[in-house]
Protein backbone atom coordinates (compact mmCIF):
# COMPACT_ATOMS: atom_id res chain seq x y z
CA UNK A 1 -29.99 8.53 -6.98
CA UNK A 2 -32.53 5.95 -5.74
CA UNK A 3 -30.93 2.84 -6.65
CA UNK A 4 -28.95 0.21 -4.81
CA UNK A 5 -27.26 -2.40 -5.38
CA UNK A 6 -25.68 -5.04 -3.54
CA UNK A 7 -21.81 -5.83 -3.35
CA UNK A 8 -19.61 -8.29 -2.08
CA UNK A 9 -16.40 -7.38 -0.79
CA UNK A 10 -13.56 -9.60 -1.28
CA UNK A 11 -16.16 -11.43 -3.26
CA UNK A 12 -13.51 -14.22 -5.01
CA UNK A 13 -12.58 -15.13 -1.58
CA UNK A 14 -15.14 -17.32 -0.95
CA UNK A 15 -15.17 -20.83 1.13
CA UNK A 16 -16.47 -22.50 -2.07
CA UNK A 17 -13.42 -21.67 -3.55
CA UNK A 18 -11.22 -22.71 -0.66
CA UNK A 19 -10.25 -19.84 1.11
CA UNK A 20 -8.39 -20.64 4.64
CA UNK A 21 -9.60 -17.41 5.62
CA UNK A 22 -12.67 -16.55 3.60
CA UNK A 23 -14.35 -13.36 3.26
CA UNK A 24 -17.74 -14.73 1.54
CA UNK A 25 -19.51 -18.19 1.76
CA UNK A 26 -20.68 -18.64 -1.73
CA UNK A 27 -18.95 -18.81 -5.12
CA UNK A 28 -18.87 -15.85 -7.27
CA UNK A 29 -21.76 -18.00 -9.54
CA UNK A 30 -23.98 -18.60 -6.15
CA UNK A 31 -22.81 -14.59 -5.03
CA UNK A 32 -24.82 -13.36 -8.63
CA UNK A 33 -27.58 -16.11 -8.50
CA UNK A 34 -28.23 -14.48 -4.59
CA UNK A 35 -28.90 -11.47 -6.05
CA UNK A 36 -25.41 -9.64 -5.72
CA UNK A 37 -24.58 -6.90 -8.57
CA UNK A 38 -21.39 -5.43 -7.65
CA UNK A 39 -18.46 -7.97 -7.06
CA UNK A 40 -15.50 -6.02 -5.22
CA UNK A 41 -12.39 -7.80 -7.02
CA UNK A 42 -8.96 -6.79 -5.31
CA UNK A 43 -6.31 -7.17 -8.73
CA UNK A 44 -2.93 -7.15 -8.20
CA UNK A 45 0.03 -7.94 -10.49
CA UNK A 46 2.44 -11.32 -9.10
CA UNK A 47 6.06 -12.05 -9.73
CA UNK A 48 5.34 -12.99 -13.03
CA UNK A 49 3.63 -9.70 -13.89
CA UNK A 50 0.41 -11.64 -14.37
CA UNK A 51 -2.97 -9.93 -12.92
CA UNK A 52 -3.99 -12.13 -10.09
CA UNK A 53 -7.02 -11.66 -7.88
CA UNK A 54 -5.82 -11.09 -4.30
CA UNK A 55 -5.91 -9.21 -0.91
CA UNK A 56 -3.07 -7.12 -0.55
CA UNK A 57 -0.47 -9.13 -2.25
CA UNK A 58 1.39 -12.30 -3.20
CA UNK A 59 2.74 -13.10 -0.22
CA UNK A 60 -0.86 -12.36 2.09
CA UNK A 61 -3.14 -14.51 -0.63
CA UNK A 62 -1.00 -17.26 -0.67
CA UNK A 63 -1.34 -17.17 3.24
CA UNK A 64 -5.37 -17.11 3.26
CA UNK A 65 -6.13 -18.96 0.31
CA UNK A 66 -5.60 -22.63 1.58
CA UNK A 67 -5.29 -25.54 -0.58
CA UNK A 68 -6.78 -23.59 -3.99
CA UNK A 69 -4.88 -20.93 -6.10
CA UNK A 70 -7.49 -18.31 -7.04
CA UNK A 71 -8.21 -18.31 -11.05
């Protein structure tokens, strides 16, 4: 009950990964290097039944993603 972990909300949606409306500035690796120990990753199925990282759904994700698609 005395432990606290730094956690990043929507950790994958970062400026470093090309998101137009980024939730974080640092890449996942850089977040971990900075001491983040909890990554909140929103996972959903896309239209091809693949698990993807996205915020809400595939349509919203394409809007906020910008140039790159998440991996």
